[in-house]
Protein backbone atom coordinates (compact mmCIF):
# COMPACT_ATOMS: atom_id res chain seq x y z
CA UNK A 1 -20.35 -34.07 9.96
CA UNK A 2 -19.08 -31.78 7.24
CA UNK A 3 -19.47 -28.03 7.06
CA UNK A 4 -18.07 -26.69 3.81
CA UNK A 5 -17.95 -22.94 3.37
CA UNK A 6 -17.31 -21.37 -0.02
CA UNK A 7 -17.69 -18.14 -1.94
CA UNK A 8 -14.93 -16.08 -0.41
CA UNK A 9 -12.40 -14.04 -2.31
CA UNK A 10 -10.75 -10.68 -2.74
CA UNK A 11 -13.10 -7.73 -3.00
CA UNK A 12 -12.68 -3.97 -2.89
CA UNK A 13 -14.14 -1.93 -0.05
CA UNK A 14 -17.82 -1.34 -0.71
CA UNK A 15 -18.14 -4.55 -2.66
CA UNK A 16 -20.28 -7.61 -2.06
CA UNK A 17 -19.86 -11.34 -1.67
CA UNK A 18 -22.24 -14.21 -1.07
CA UNK A 19 -20.97 -17.07 1.03
CA UNK A 20 -22.47 -20.54 1.07
CA UNK A 21 -22.06 -23.31 3.61
CA UNK A 22 -23.18 -26.74 2.59
CA UNK A 23 -23.65 -29.26 5.36
CA UNK A 24 -23.79 -33.02 5.52
CA UNK A 25 -24.09 -35.53 8.31
CA UNK A 26 -26.53 -33.39 10.27
CA UNK A 27 -30.28 -32.94 10.25
CA UNK A 28 -29.99 -29.43 8.92
CA UNK A 29 -33.64 -28.42 9.16
CA UNK A 30 -33.75 -28.84 12.97
CA UNK A 31 -30.62 -26.80 13.65
CA UNK A 32 -30.33 -23.09 14.25
CA UNK A 33 -27.28 -22.04 12.26
CA UNK A 34 -24.70 -19.29 12.40
CA UNK A 35 -21.84 -17.69 10.53
CA UNK A 36 -18.61 -17.01 12.37
CA UNK A 37 -15.38 -15.33 11.37
CA UNK A 38 -11.82 -15.26 12.57
CA UNK A 39 -9.33 -12.58 11.65
CA UNK A 40 -5.59 -13.13 12.15
CA UNK A 41 -4.68 -12.76 15.79
CA UNK A 42 -8.30 -12.58 16.87
CA UNK A 43 -10.69 -15.05 18.42
CA UNK A 44 -13.47 -16.52 16.34
CA UNK A 45 -16.57 -14.36 16.60
CA UNK A 46 -20.22 -14.92 15.82
CA UNK A 47 -21.42 -12.75 12.96
CA UNK A 48 -24.97 -13.82 12.18
CA UNK A 49 -27.50 -16.46 13.14
CA UNK A 50 -30.71 -17.89 11.75
CA UNK A 51 -33.16 -20.09 13.57
CA UNK A 52 -35.11 -22.99 12.12
CA UNK A 53 -38.04 -20.60 11.85
CA UNK A 54 -36.05 -18.02 9.96
CA UNK A 55 -35.46 -15.50 12.73
CA UNK A 56 -32.15 -13.74 12.18
CA UNK A 57 -29.72 -11.80 14.35
CA UNK A 58 -26.47 -10.00 13.62
CA UNK A 59 -23.43 -8.68 15.36
CA UNK A 60 -23.51 -4.89 15.65
CA UNK A 61 -20.46 -4.65 13.39
CA UNK A 62 -22.34 -6.12 10.42
CA UNK A 63 -25.92 -5.11 11.11
CA UNK A 64 -27.51 -3.50 8.08
CA UNK A 65 -24.82 -4.82 5.73
CA UNK A 66 -25.06 -8.60 6.04
CA UNK A 67 -28.03 -10.90 5.66
CA UNK A 68 -28.30 -14.59 6.46
CA UNK A 69 -30.63 -17.10 4.87
CA UNK A 70 -31.06 -20.84 4.63
CA UNK A 71 -32.33 -23.44 2.19
CA UNK A 72 -33.37 -26.57 4.04
CA UNK A 73 -33.82 -28.50 0.80
CA UNK A 74 -30.15 -27.93 0.01
CA UNK A 75 -28.86 -28.21 3.59
CA UNK A 76 -27.17 -24.87 3.00
CA UNK A 77 -26.89 -21.60 4.85
CA UNK A 78 -25.91 -18.37 3.09
CA UNK A 79 -24.34 -15.08 4.10
CA UNK A 80 -24.87 -12.10 1.81
CA UNK A 81 -22.27 -9.45 2.59
CA UNK A 82 -22.69 -5.95 1.21
CA UNK A 83 -20.78 -2.71 1.75
CA UNK A 84 -17.75 -4.69 2.77
CA UNK A 85 -15.04 -3.02 4.84
CA UNK A 86 -11.38 -3.93 5.34
CA UNK A 87 -12.24 -4.95 8.91
CA UNK A 88 -14.47 -7.69 7.50
CA UNK A 89 -11.35 -9.49 6.32
CA UNK A 90 -11.31 -12.91 7.97
CA UNK A 91 -11.86 -16.60 7.44
CA UNK A 92 -15.59 -17.28 7.57
CA UNK A 93 -17.13 -20.49 8.92
CA UNK A 94 -20.59 -21.83 9.56
CA UNK A 95 -21.73 -23.88 12.52
CA UNK A 96 -24.62 -24.22 14.88
CA UNK A 97 -25.98 -21.13 16.59
CA UNK A 98 -24.52 -21.29 20.08
CA UNK A 99 -27.00 -21.92 22.88
CA UNK A 100 -27.11 -23.66 26.22
CA UNK A 101 -27.73 -27.34 25.87
CA UNK A 102 -25.92 -27.89 22.62
CA UNK A 103 -22.35 -28.10 21.49
CA UNK A 104 -20.94 -26.88 18.22
CA UNK A 105 -20.24 -29.28 15.41
CA UNK A 106 -16.60 -29.93 14.47
CA UNK A 107 -15.37 -26.95 12.51
CA UNK A 108 -15.17 -27.37 8.81
CA UNK A 109 -13.07 -25.61 6.26
CA UNK A 110 -13.72 -21.92 6.18
CA UNK A 111 -13.55 -19.52 3.29
CA UNK A 112 -11.20 -16.54 3.16
CA UNK A 113 -12.67 -13.10 2.63
CA UNK A 114 -10.22 -10.30 1.95
CA UNK A 115 -11.43 -6.73 1.60
CA UNK A 116 -8.72 -4.52 0.17
CA UNK A 117 -8.14 -1.94 -2.50
């Protein structure tokens, strides 16, 4: 299993970034997926999820600013981040959407997002 996040970088407050997470070794189309982030000194938190049917959900802190999408043909999940704030600074990862009855995949390499002027 490989979960490879990319697309991070340094952006000014109010800016935008689009993250991608390409997966391999899993049957992507049957998995609900999620984006997580971890800021220094903080626990990893769930930011957004998307089901196999395309239903999305978001943490209150990013609602209205972030969108999540998926491309089953490319085994890839995306996170569009708009109106970025300094508090969005973190390493971003993708994985399964957490639910009872499943376990998360091994964590892959995340991508650093830094929001600063």
